[in-house]
N, C-alpha and C. Protein backbone atom coordinates (compact mmCIF):
# COMPACT_ATOMS: atom_id res chain seq x y z
N UNK A 1 77.10 87.25 103.55
CA UNK A 1 78.42 87.65 103.06
C UNK A 1 78.57 89.17 103.15
N UNK A 2 79.62 89.62 103.79
CA UNK A 2 79.83 91.06 103.94
C UNK A 2 80.60 91.59 102.73
N UNK A 3 79.87 92.21 101.80
CA UNK A 3 80.51 92.76 100.61
C UNK A 3 79.98 94.15 100.26
N UNK A 4 79.35 94.82 101.25
CA UNK A 4 78.90 96.19 101.07
C UNK A 4 79.82 97.11 101.87
N UNK A 5 80.52 97.97 101.16
CA UNK A 5 81.42 98.92 101.81
C UNK A 5 80.69 100.24 102.05
N UNK A 6 80.64 100.66 103.30
CA UNK A 6 80.16 102.00 103.63
C UNK A 6 81.40 102.78 104.06
N UNK A 7 81.66 103.89 103.38
CA UNK A 7 82.99 104.49 103.50
C UNK A 7 82.92 106.00 103.38
N UNK A 8 83.77 106.68 104.15
CA UNK A 8 83.99 108.11 104.01
C UNK A 8 85.49 108.36 103.94
N UNK A 9 85.85 109.46 103.27
CA UNK A 9 87.27 109.80 103.10
C UNK A 9 87.49 111.26 103.44
N UNK A 10 88.73 111.57 103.76
CA UNK A 10 89.06 112.96 104.03
C UNK A 10 90.55 113.21 103.95
N UNK A 11 90.95 114.47 103.83
CA UNK A 11 92.38 114.81 103.68
C UNK A 11 93.09 114.79 105.03
N UNK A 12 94.39 114.54 104.98
CA UNK A 12 95.24 114.59 106.17
C UNK A 12 96.51 115.36 105.86
N UNK A 13 96.95 116.17 106.82
CA UNK A 13 98.30 116.70 106.77
C UNK A 13 99.25 115.60 107.26
N UNK A 14 100.53 115.76 107.04
CA UNK A 14 101.48 114.77 107.56
C UNK A 14 101.41 114.71 109.08
N UNK A 15 101.23 115.88 109.71
CA UNK A 15 101.15 115.93 111.16
C UNK A 15 99.93 115.18 111.68
N UNK A 16 98.79 115.35 111.02
CA UNK A 16 97.58 114.65 111.44
C UNK A 16 97.70 113.16 111.17
N UNK A 17 98.33 112.79 110.07
CA UNK A 17 98.58 111.39 109.76
C UNK A 17 99.36 110.72 110.90
N UNK A 18 100.43 111.38 111.35
CA UNK A 18 101.26 110.82 112.43
C UNK A 18 100.51 110.81 113.76
N UNK A 19 99.70 111.85 114.00
CA UNK A 19 98.90 111.90 115.22
C UNK A 19 97.91 110.75 115.28
N UNK A 20 97.21 110.52 114.17
CA UNK A 20 96.25 109.42 114.12
C UNK A 20 96.93 108.07 114.27
N UNK A 21 98.06 107.92 113.62
CA UNK A 21 98.80 106.67 113.72
C UNK A 21 99.14 106.36 115.18
N UNK A 22 99.52 107.37 115.92
CA UNK A 22 99.83 107.19 117.34
C UNK A 22 98.57 106.85 118.14
N UNK A 23 97.48 107.56 117.90
CA UNK A 23 96.22 107.30 118.61
C UNK A 23 95.74 105.88 118.36
N UNK A 24 95.76 105.47 117.10
CA UNK A 24 95.25 104.14 116.76
C UNK A 24 96.14 103.03 117.33
N UNK A 25 97.44 103.26 117.36
CA UNK A 25 98.34 102.25 117.93
C UNK A 25 98.11 102.10 119.43
N UNK A 26 97.77 103.21 120.09
CA UNK A 26 97.57 103.18 121.54
C UNK A 26 96.16 102.74 121.94
N UNK A 27 95.15 103.18 121.18
CA UNK A 27 93.77 102.98 121.59
C UNK A 27 92.95 102.11 120.65
N UNK A 28 93.51 101.78 119.52
CA UNK A 28 92.81 100.94 118.55
C UNK A 28 93.52 99.60 118.39
N UNK A 29 93.25 98.96 117.27
CA UNK A 29 93.85 97.66 116.99
C UNK A 29 94.48 97.71 115.60
N UNK A 30 95.80 97.46 115.57
CA UNK A 30 96.49 97.44 114.28
C UNK A 30 96.08 96.19 113.51
N UNK A 31 95.77 96.35 112.21
CA UNK A 31 95.34 95.22 111.39
C UNK A 31 96.42 94.81 110.39
N UNK A 32 96.89 95.76 109.59
CA UNK A 32 97.91 95.41 108.59
C UNK A 32 98.48 96.65 107.93
N UNK A 33 99.64 96.46 107.31
CA UNK A 33 100.22 97.46 106.41
C UNK A 33 100.01 96.98 104.98
N UNK A 34 99.68 97.91 104.10
CA UNK A 34 99.43 97.55 102.70
C UNK A 34 100.33 98.37 101.78
N UNK A 35 101.08 97.66 100.96
CA UNK A 35 101.78 98.30 99.85
C UNK A 35 101.04 97.90 98.59
N UNK A 36 100.43 98.89 97.93
CA UNK A 36 99.49 98.58 96.85
C UNK A 36 99.82 99.33 95.57
N UNK A 37 99.70 98.61 94.47
CA UNK A 37 99.74 99.20 93.13
C UNK A 37 98.43 98.84 92.47
N UNK A 38 97.79 99.80 91.85
CA UNK A 38 96.51 99.51 91.21
C UNK A 38 96.37 100.24 89.88
N UNK A 39 95.59 99.65 89.01
CA UNK A 39 95.17 100.30 87.77
C UNK A 39 93.66 100.41 87.81
N UNK A 40 93.15 101.63 87.75
CA UNK A 40 91.71 101.81 87.67
C UNK A 40 91.35 102.20 86.25
N UNK A 41 90.48 101.41 85.64
CA UNK A 41 90.12 101.59 84.24
C UNK A 41 88.90 102.48 84.05
N UNK A 42 88.10 102.62 85.09
CA UNK A 42 86.78 103.26 84.93
C UNK A 42 86.86 104.72 84.51
N UNK A 43 87.96 105.40 84.87
CA UNK A 43 88.07 106.81 84.51
C UNK A 43 88.01 107.02 83.00
N UNK A 44 88.41 105.99 82.25
CA UNK A 44 88.43 106.12 80.79
C UNK A 44 87.31 105.35 80.10
N UNK A 45 86.38 104.79 80.88
CA UNK A 45 85.27 104.05 80.27
C UNK A 45 84.13 105.00 79.91
N UNK A 46 83.44 104.77 78.81
CA UNK A 46 82.30 105.62 78.43
C UNK A 46 81.26 105.67 79.54
N UNK A 47 80.81 106.88 79.86
CA UNK A 47 79.77 107.07 80.86
C UNK A 47 80.25 106.99 82.30
N UNK A 48 81.54 106.81 82.53
CA UNK A 48 82.05 106.67 83.89
C UNK A 48 82.88 107.90 84.27
N UNK A 49 84.18 107.88 84.07
CA UNK A 49 85.01 109.04 84.39
C UNK A 49 85.19 109.20 85.89
N UNK A 50 85.09 110.45 86.38
CA UNK A 50 85.28 110.74 87.80
C UNK A 50 83.95 111.06 88.46
N UNK A 51 83.28 112.11 88.01
CA UNK A 51 82.11 112.63 88.71
C UNK A 51 80.89 111.70 88.65
N UNK A 52 80.75 110.93 87.58
CA UNK A 52 79.52 110.17 87.37
C UNK A 52 79.71 108.66 87.48
N UNK A 53 80.77 108.24 88.11
CA UNK A 53 81.10 106.82 88.13
C UNK A 53 80.12 106.01 88.97
N UNK A 54 79.64 104.91 88.39
CA UNK A 54 78.77 103.99 89.12
C UNK A 54 79.32 102.57 89.13
N UNK A 55 80.43 102.36 88.43
CA UNK A 55 81.11 101.07 88.51
C UNK A 55 82.61 101.30 88.42
N UNK A 56 83.32 100.61 89.28
CA UNK A 56 84.78 100.67 89.32
C UNK A 56 85.32 99.33 88.86
N UNK A 57 86.18 99.36 87.86
CA UNK A 57 86.84 98.14 87.40
C UNK A 57 88.33 98.36 87.58
N UNK A 58 88.95 97.52 88.41
CA UNK A 58 90.34 97.73 88.77
C UNK A 58 91.11 96.41 88.76
N UNK A 59 92.40 96.53 88.54
CA UNK A 59 93.35 95.49 88.89
C UNK A 59 94.23 96.06 89.98
N UNK A 60 94.52 95.26 90.97
CA UNK A 60 95.42 95.76 92.01
C UNK A 60 96.24 94.61 92.57
N UNK A 61 97.35 94.98 93.15
CA UNK A 61 98.20 94.01 93.82
C UNK A 61 98.58 94.61 95.18
N UNK A 62 98.28 93.86 96.24
CA UNK A 62 98.50 94.33 97.61
C UNK A 62 99.44 93.37 98.31
N UNK A 63 100.57 93.89 98.74
CA UNK A 63 101.58 93.04 99.39
C UNK A 63 101.89 91.80 98.56
N UNK A 64 101.94 92.01 97.24
CA UNK A 64 102.31 90.93 96.34
C UNK A 64 101.17 90.06 95.83
N UNK A 65 99.94 90.26 96.36
CA UNK A 65 98.81 89.41 95.96
C UNK A 65 97.92 90.14 94.95
N UNK A 66 97.84 89.66 93.70
CA UNK A 66 97.03 90.31 92.68
C UNK A 66 95.55 90.00 92.82
N UNK A 67 94.74 90.93 92.31
CA UNK A 67 93.30 90.84 92.55
C UNK A 67 92.55 91.61 91.46
N UNK A 68 91.43 91.05 91.05
CA UNK A 68 90.47 91.77 90.21
C UNK A 68 89.41 92.35 91.14
N UNK A 69 89.12 93.63 90.97
CA UNK A 69 88.14 94.31 91.82
C UNK A 69 87.07 94.96 90.95
N UNK A 70 85.82 94.70 91.28
CA UNK A 70 84.70 95.42 90.66
C UNK A 70 83.85 95.98 91.80
N UNK A 71 83.63 97.29 91.78
CA UNK A 71 82.80 97.94 92.78
C UNK A 71 81.59 98.53 92.08
N UNK A 72 80.41 98.26 92.63
CA UNK A 72 79.15 98.66 91.99
C UNK A 72 78.41 99.64 92.90
N UNK A 73 78.07 100.78 92.35
CA UNK A 73 77.40 101.82 93.13
C UNK A 73 78.07 103.16 92.89
N UNK A 74 77.39 104.20 93.30
CA UNK A 74 77.91 105.55 93.04
C UNK A 74 79.19 105.80 93.82
N UNK A 75 80.22 106.30 93.11
CA UNK A 75 81.51 106.63 93.70
C UNK A 75 81.49 108.07 94.18
N UNK A 76 82.03 108.31 95.37
CA UNK A 76 82.06 109.67 95.87
C UNK A 76 82.85 109.76 97.15
N UNK A 77 82.80 110.93 97.80
CA UNK A 77 83.54 111.15 99.04
C UNK A 77 83.05 110.22 100.14
N UNK A 78 81.73 110.05 100.21
CA UNK A 78 81.12 109.09 101.13
C UNK A 78 80.19 108.21 100.31
N UNK A 79 80.30 106.90 100.51
CA UNK A 79 79.62 106.03 99.57
C UNK A 79 79.21 104.72 100.24
N UNK A 80 78.38 103.99 99.53
CA UNK A 80 77.96 102.65 99.95
C UNK A 80 77.90 101.80 98.69
N UNK A 81 78.89 100.91 98.53
CA UNK A 81 79.00 100.15 97.28
C UNK A 81 79.22 98.67 97.54
N UNK A 82 78.76 97.87 96.59
CA UNK A 82 79.03 96.44 96.61
C UNK A 82 80.39 96.20 95.98
N UNK A 83 81.18 95.34 96.61
CA UNK A 83 82.50 95.00 96.08
C UNK A 83 82.58 93.52 95.74
N UNK A 84 83.08 93.24 94.55
CA UNK A 84 83.37 91.87 94.11
C UNK A 84 84.88 91.76 93.96
N UNK A 85 85.46 90.79 94.63
CA UNK A 85 86.91 90.62 94.63
C UNK A 85 87.26 89.20 94.21
N UNK A 86 88.20 89.09 93.26
CA UNK A 86 88.68 87.78 92.81
C UNK A 86 90.20 87.78 92.88
N UNK A 87 90.75 86.94 93.73
CA UNK A 87 92.20 86.87 93.88
C UNK A 87 92.82 85.96 92.82
N UNK A 88 94.01 86.35 92.38
CA UNK A 88 94.82 85.50 91.51
C UNK A 88 96.03 85.01 92.32
N UNK A 89 96.88 84.27 91.66
CA UNK A 89 98.06 83.75 92.33
C UNK A 89 99.17 84.80 92.34
N UNK A 90 100.01 84.73 93.36
CA UNK A 90 101.15 85.63 93.44
C UNK A 90 102.00 85.50 92.18
N UNK A 91 102.39 86.64 91.62
CA UNK A 91 103.17 86.65 90.39
C UNK A 91 102.34 86.76 89.13
N UNK A 92 101.00 86.79 89.26
CA UNK A 92 100.11 86.80 88.09
C UNK A 92 99.65 88.19 87.66
N UNK A 93 100.15 89.25 88.30
CA UNK A 93 99.61 90.58 87.98
C UNK A 93 99.82 90.94 86.51
N UNK A 94 101.00 90.67 85.98
CA UNK A 94 101.24 90.98 84.56
C UNK A 94 100.30 90.20 83.65
N UNK A 95 100.01 88.96 84.01
CA UNK A 95 99.07 88.16 83.21
C UNK A 95 97.67 88.77 83.24
N UNK A 96 97.25 89.28 84.40
CA UNK A 96 95.95 89.94 84.49
C UNK A 96 95.92 91.19 83.61
N UNK A 97 96.98 91.97 83.64
CA UNK A 97 97.05 93.19 82.82
C UNK A 97 96.95 92.83 81.34
N UNK A 98 97.64 91.77 80.93
CA UNK A 98 97.58 91.34 79.54
C UNK A 98 96.18 90.87 79.17
N UNK A 99 95.56 90.09 80.04
CA UNK A 99 94.21 89.59 79.77
C UNK A 99 93.22 90.74 79.66
N UNK A 100 93.31 91.71 80.55
CA UNK A 100 92.42 92.86 80.50
C UNK A 100 92.65 93.66 79.22
N UNK A 101 93.90 93.80 78.82
CA UNK A 101 94.20 94.51 77.58
C UNK A 101 93.57 93.86 76.37
N UNK A 102 93.65 92.55 76.30
CA UNK A 102 93.04 91.80 75.19
C UNK A 102 91.52 91.95 75.21
N UNK A 103 90.93 92.06 76.42
CA UNK A 103 89.47 92.21 76.52
C UNK A 103 89.00 93.63 76.25
N UNK A 104 89.93 94.54 75.99
CA UNK A 104 89.54 95.89 75.62
C UNK A 104 89.79 96.95 76.69
N UNK A 105 90.30 96.56 77.83
CA UNK A 105 90.64 97.54 78.87
C UNK A 105 92.08 97.99 78.61
N UNK A 106 92.19 98.99 77.76
CA UNK A 106 93.49 99.37 77.22
C UNK A 106 94.08 100.62 77.83
N UNK A 107 93.31 101.30 78.68
CA UNK A 107 93.81 102.55 79.26
C UNK A 107 93.29 102.69 80.68
N UNK A 108 94.19 102.98 81.60
CA UNK A 108 93.79 103.13 82.99
C UNK A 108 94.70 104.12 83.71
N UNK A 109 94.39 104.36 84.97
CA UNK A 109 95.22 105.23 85.79
C UNK A 109 95.98 104.36 86.78
N UNK A 110 97.30 104.47 86.73
CA UNK A 110 98.18 103.68 87.59
C UNK A 110 98.48 104.46 88.86
N UNK A 111 98.24 103.82 90.01
CA UNK A 111 98.39 104.49 91.30
C UNK A 111 99.23 103.63 92.23
N UNK A 112 100.00 104.29 93.09
CA UNK A 112 100.79 103.62 94.12
C UNK A 112 100.36 104.18 95.47
N UNK A 113 100.06 103.31 96.43
CA UNK A 113 99.59 103.74 97.74
C UNK A 113 100.22 102.87 98.83
N UNK A 114 100.56 103.52 99.94
CA UNK A 114 101.03 102.82 101.15
C UNK A 114 100.05 103.12 102.27
N UNK A 115 99.60 102.09 102.97
CA UNK A 115 98.49 102.25 103.90
C UNK A 115 98.74 101.50 105.20
N UNK A 116 98.37 102.16 106.31
CA UNK A 116 98.33 101.51 107.62
C UNK A 116 96.86 101.36 108.01
N UNK A 117 96.44 100.16 108.37
CA UNK A 117 95.03 99.88 108.64
C UNK A 117 94.83 99.54 110.11
N UNK A 118 93.83 100.21 110.71
CA UNK A 118 93.51 100.01 112.12
C UNK A 118 92.01 99.80 112.29
N UNK A 119 91.63 99.20 113.40
CA UNK A 119 90.24 99.20 113.83
C UNK A 119 90.13 100.08 115.06
N UNK A 120 89.19 101.01 115.02
CA UNK A 120 89.02 101.95 116.12
C UNK A 120 87.52 102.15 116.34
N UNK A 121 87.03 101.72 117.50
CA UNK A 121 85.62 101.86 117.85
C UNK A 121 84.71 101.29 116.76
N UNK A 122 85.04 100.07 116.33
CA UNK A 122 84.25 99.31 115.35
C UNK A 122 84.24 99.92 113.96
N UNK A 123 85.16 100.85 113.69
CA UNK A 123 85.32 101.41 112.36
C UNK A 123 86.73 101.10 111.89
N UNK A 124 86.87 100.66 110.64
CA UNK A 124 88.19 100.43 110.07
C UNK A 124 88.71 101.73 109.49
N UNK A 125 89.85 102.18 110.00
CA UNK A 125 90.49 103.39 109.51
C UNK A 125 91.75 103.01 108.74
N UNK A 126 91.85 103.50 107.51
CA UNK A 126 93.05 103.33 106.71
C UNK A 126 93.73 104.69 106.56
N UNK A 127 94.98 104.76 106.98
CA UNK A 127 95.78 105.97 106.82
C UNK A 127 96.63 105.78 105.58
N UNK A 128 96.36 106.57 104.55
CA UNK A 128 96.93 106.33 103.23
C UNK A 128 97.97 107.39 102.89
N UNK A 129 99.14 106.93 102.48
CA UNK A 129 100.19 107.81 101.96
C UNK A 129 100.24 107.68 100.45
N UNK A 130 100.14 108.80 99.76
CA UNK A 130 100.44 108.86 98.34
C UNK A 130 101.91 109.25 98.24
N UNK A 131 102.79 108.32 97.90
CA UNK A 131 104.23 108.61 98.01
C UNK A 131 104.65 109.89 97.30
N UNK A 132 105.42 110.70 98.03
CA UNK A 132 105.97 111.96 97.52
C UNK A 132 104.90 112.98 97.16
N UNK A 133 103.72 112.85 97.81
CA UNK A 133 102.66 113.80 97.46
C UNK A 133 101.80 114.22 98.64
N UNK A 134 100.98 113.32 99.21
CA UNK A 134 99.98 113.74 100.20
C UNK A 134 99.48 112.54 100.99
N UNK A 135 98.53 112.84 101.89
CA UNK A 135 97.96 111.82 102.77
C UNK A 135 96.44 111.99 102.83
N UNK A 136 95.74 110.89 103.07
CA UNK A 136 94.29 110.95 103.32
C UNK A 136 93.89 109.75 104.16
N UNK A 137 92.64 109.76 104.62
CA UNK A 137 92.15 108.61 105.38
C UNK A 137 90.90 108.06 104.73
N UNK A 138 90.64 106.79 105.01
CA UNK A 138 89.39 106.15 104.66
C UNK A 138 88.82 105.53 105.92
N UNK A 139 87.57 105.79 106.20
CA UNK A 139 86.87 105.21 107.36
C UNK A 139 85.76 104.32 106.82
N UNK A 140 85.77 103.06 107.20
CA UNK A 140 84.91 102.08 106.52
C UNK A 140 84.29 101.09 107.49
N UNK A 141 83.07 100.68 107.16
CA UNK A 141 82.43 99.54 107.79
C UNK A 141 81.98 98.61 106.68
N UNK A 142 82.18 97.31 106.88
CA UNK A 142 81.81 96.30 105.90
C UNK A 142 80.55 95.60 106.39
N UNK A 143 79.52 95.61 105.54
CA UNK A 143 78.20 95.09 105.93
C UNK A 143 77.76 93.96 105.00
N UNK A 144 76.79 93.19 105.47
CA UNK A 144 76.09 92.31 104.55
C UNK A 144 74.84 93.04 104.05
N UNK A 145 74.14 92.43 103.12
CA UNK A 145 73.03 93.12 102.44
C UNK A 145 71.89 93.47 103.38
N UNK A 146 71.78 92.79 104.52
CA UNK A 146 70.65 93.02 105.42
C UNK A 146 70.92 94.06 106.50
N UNK A 147 72.15 94.53 106.60
CA UNK A 147 72.48 95.49 107.65
C UNK A 147 72.14 96.91 107.21
N UNK A 148 71.87 97.76 108.19
CA UNK A 148 71.42 99.13 107.93
C UNK A 148 72.61 100.02 107.58
N UNK A 149 72.63 100.53 106.37
CA UNK A 149 73.74 101.36 105.91
C UNK A 149 73.73 102.73 106.59
N UNK A 150 72.54 103.24 106.90
CA UNK A 150 72.46 104.57 107.52
C UNK A 150 73.06 104.55 108.93
N UNK A 151 72.84 103.46 109.66
CA UNK A 151 73.45 103.34 110.98
C UNK A 151 74.97 103.32 110.86
N UNK A 152 75.47 102.58 109.88
CA UNK A 152 76.91 102.51 109.65
C UNK A 152 77.48 103.89 109.30
N UNK A 153 76.77 104.63 108.44
CA UNK A 153 77.22 105.98 108.09
C UNK A 153 77.30 106.87 109.32
N UNK A 154 76.31 106.75 110.21
CA UNK A 154 76.30 107.56 111.42
C UNK A 154 77.45 107.20 112.34
N UNK A 155 77.73 105.93 112.47
CA UNK A 155 78.84 105.49 113.32
C UNK A 155 80.17 106.00 112.78
N UNK A 156 80.33 105.98 111.47
CA UNK A 156 81.55 106.51 110.85
C UNK A 156 81.65 108.02 111.10
N UNK A 157 80.54 108.72 110.91
CA UNK A 157 80.53 110.18 111.11
C UNK A 157 80.89 110.54 112.55
N UNK A 158 80.37 109.79 113.50
CA UNK A 158 80.65 110.06 114.91
C UNK A 158 82.12 109.82 115.24
N UNK A 159 82.70 108.75 114.69
CA UNK A 159 84.11 108.47 114.93
C UNK A 159 85.00 109.56 114.33
N UNK A 160 84.65 110.01 113.13
CA UNK A 160 85.43 111.07 112.48
C UNK A 160 85.32 112.38 113.25
N UNK A 161 84.13 112.68 113.76
CA UNK A 161 83.93 113.91 114.53
C UNK A 161 84.74 113.87 115.81
N UNK A 162 84.74 112.73 116.49
CA UNK A 162 85.51 112.59 117.73
C UNK A 162 87.00 112.83 117.49
N UNK A 163 87.49 112.36 116.34
CA UNK A 163 88.91 112.49 116.01
C UNK A 163 89.24 113.82 115.34
N UNK A 164 88.22 114.69 115.22
CA UNK A 164 88.39 116.01 114.61
C UNK A 164 88.93 115.91 113.18
N UNK A 165 88.30 115.04 112.41
CA UNK A 165 88.68 114.83 111.02
C UNK A 165 87.74 115.56 110.08
N UNK A 166 88.31 116.20 109.09
CA UNK A 166 87.52 116.78 108.02
C UNK A 166 87.21 115.69 107.00
N UNK A 167 85.97 115.65 106.55
CA UNK A 167 85.56 114.65 105.56
C UNK A 167 85.31 115.37 104.24
N UNK A 168 85.81 114.79 103.16
CA UNK A 168 85.56 115.36 101.84
C UNK A 168 84.06 115.41 101.56
N UNK A 169 83.61 116.45 100.87
CA UNK A 169 82.35 116.35 100.13
C UNK A 169 82.72 115.97 98.70
N UNK A 170 81.72 115.70 97.88
CA UNK A 170 82.04 115.22 96.53
C UNK A 170 82.89 116.22 95.75
N UNK A 171 82.60 117.50 95.87
CA UNK A 171 83.34 118.49 95.10
C UNK A 171 84.82 118.48 95.46
N UNK A 172 85.12 118.49 96.76
CA UNK A 172 86.52 118.52 97.18
C UNK A 172 87.20 117.18 96.91
N UNK A 173 86.45 116.08 97.03
CA UNK A 173 87.03 114.76 96.76
C UNK A 173 87.41 114.63 95.29
N UNK A 174 86.51 114.99 94.40
CA UNK A 174 86.81 114.88 92.97
C UNK A 174 87.95 115.82 92.57
N UNK A 175 88.01 116.99 93.20
CA UNK A 175 89.13 117.91 92.94
C UNK A 175 90.45 117.28 93.36
N UNK A 176 90.44 116.59 94.50
CA UNK A 176 91.65 115.91 94.97
C UNK A 176 92.05 114.79 94.01
N UNK A 177 91.08 114.02 93.53
CA UNK A 177 91.38 112.95 92.57
C UNK A 177 92.00 113.53 91.31
N UNK A 178 91.46 114.63 90.82
CA UNK A 178 92.01 115.26 89.63
C UNK A 178 93.44 115.75 89.88
N UNK A 179 93.68 116.26 91.07
CA UNK A 179 95.02 116.72 91.44
C UNK A 179 96.00 115.55 91.46
N UNK A 180 95.58 114.42 92.05
CA UNK A 180 96.42 113.23 92.06
C UNK A 180 96.71 112.74 90.64
N UNK A 181 95.68 112.73 89.80
CA UNK A 181 95.85 112.26 88.43
C UNK A 181 96.81 113.15 87.65
N UNK A 182 96.79 114.43 87.96
CA UNK A 182 97.65 115.38 87.25
C UNK A 182 99.08 115.35 87.76
N UNK A 183 99.24 115.17 89.08
CA UNK A 183 100.55 115.40 89.69
C UNK A 183 101.33 114.14 90.06
N UNK A 184 100.64 113.01 90.28
CA UNK A 184 101.39 111.86 90.79
C UNK A 184 100.96 110.53 90.15
N UNK A 185 99.67 110.32 89.89
CA UNK A 185 99.25 109.09 89.21
C UNK A 185 99.75 109.09 87.77
N UNK A 186 99.78 107.93 87.14
CA UNK A 186 100.27 107.82 85.77
C UNK A 186 99.20 107.21 84.87
N UNK A 187 99.11 107.70 83.66
CA UNK A 187 98.23 107.06 82.68
C UNK A 187 98.93 105.82 82.15
N UNK A 188 98.25 104.69 82.27
CA UNK A 188 98.77 103.42 81.75
C UNK A 188 98.06 103.11 80.44
N UNK A 189 98.84 102.85 79.38
CA UNK A 189 98.26 102.47 78.09
C UNK A 189 98.81 101.11 77.68
N UNK A 190 97.90 100.20 77.44
CA UNK A 190 98.29 98.83 77.14
C UNK A 190 99.13 98.75 75.86
N UNK A 191 98.92 99.65 74.95
CA UNK A 191 99.68 99.61 73.69
C UNK A 191 101.18 99.78 73.94
N UNK A 192 101.55 100.36 75.08
CA UNK A 192 102.96 100.55 75.41
C UNK A 192 103.49 99.48 76.36
N UNK A 193 102.64 98.52 76.69
CA UNK A 193 103.03 97.49 77.66
C UNK A 193 104.08 96.55 77.07
N UNK A 194 105.08 96.22 77.87
CA UNK A 194 106.07 95.22 77.51
C UNK A 194 105.99 94.07 78.52
N UNK A 195 106.28 92.89 78.08
CA UNK A 195 106.11 91.69 78.91
C UNK A 195 106.85 91.82 80.24
N UNK A 196 106.16 91.43 81.30
CA UNK A 196 106.70 91.47 82.67
C UNK A 196 107.04 92.89 83.15
N UNK A 197 106.34 93.88 82.58
CA UNK A 197 106.63 95.27 82.95
C UNK A 197 106.47 95.50 84.45
N UNK A 198 105.37 95.03 85.02
CA UNK A 198 105.12 95.30 86.44
C UNK A 198 106.04 94.48 87.34
N UNK A 199 106.35 93.27 86.93
CA UNK A 199 107.32 92.46 87.67
C UNK A 199 108.68 93.15 87.70
N UNK A 200 109.10 93.66 86.56
CA UNK A 200 110.41 94.29 86.47
C UNK A 200 110.45 95.64 87.19
N UNK A 201 109.36 96.41 87.10
CA UNK A 201 109.36 97.75 87.70
C UNK A 201 109.13 97.72 89.19
N UNK A 202 108.19 96.87 89.64
CA UNK A 202 107.79 96.88 91.05
C UNK A 202 108.18 95.60 91.80
N UNK A 203 108.90 94.72 91.14
CA UNK A 203 109.35 93.47 91.77
C UNK A 203 108.17 92.65 92.28
N UNK A 204 107.14 92.52 91.44
CA UNK A 204 105.93 91.79 91.84
C UNK A 204 106.08 90.30 91.52
């Protein structure tokens, strides 16, 4: 089962975003467009936060499909983590938020992302738009437990170098996350939740 994500991220200007989109459409393989809303709870969990996170607990909905996501492993600009994904039924996102709130996940960071996903030279590239703010990319290979993560990291690095992409280091990545949290992401507090809030706000 392929559930190990080997991934690197980096910043994009709007011009570079459009340039990559053109390159991937011509020389790669288009996979999908993603309209995603997510709540990440780990930033507010004891011992987690941003810099020292080793587990990610999220709720997200992608193109209308809600999902529970748990990622295990050190979070950073370049990482190798195990992902556990559990899908719910369409229309169930508000129910998931309520269930998580009752279980004690009462505060999270609400994020909105629009993404174009391509495969290019055996690497999955996601071109991510943070609406009304900025752009970045994610370069990823999905492995099973027996595959060599270092080889995957090298293949990602080579693809990024060929495309003349800057890759975040941890310091710059965490600074970018803090900037997003301050300027565009929203703090979600379950105590302020009203029934069908996400359905009504985002038409989920």
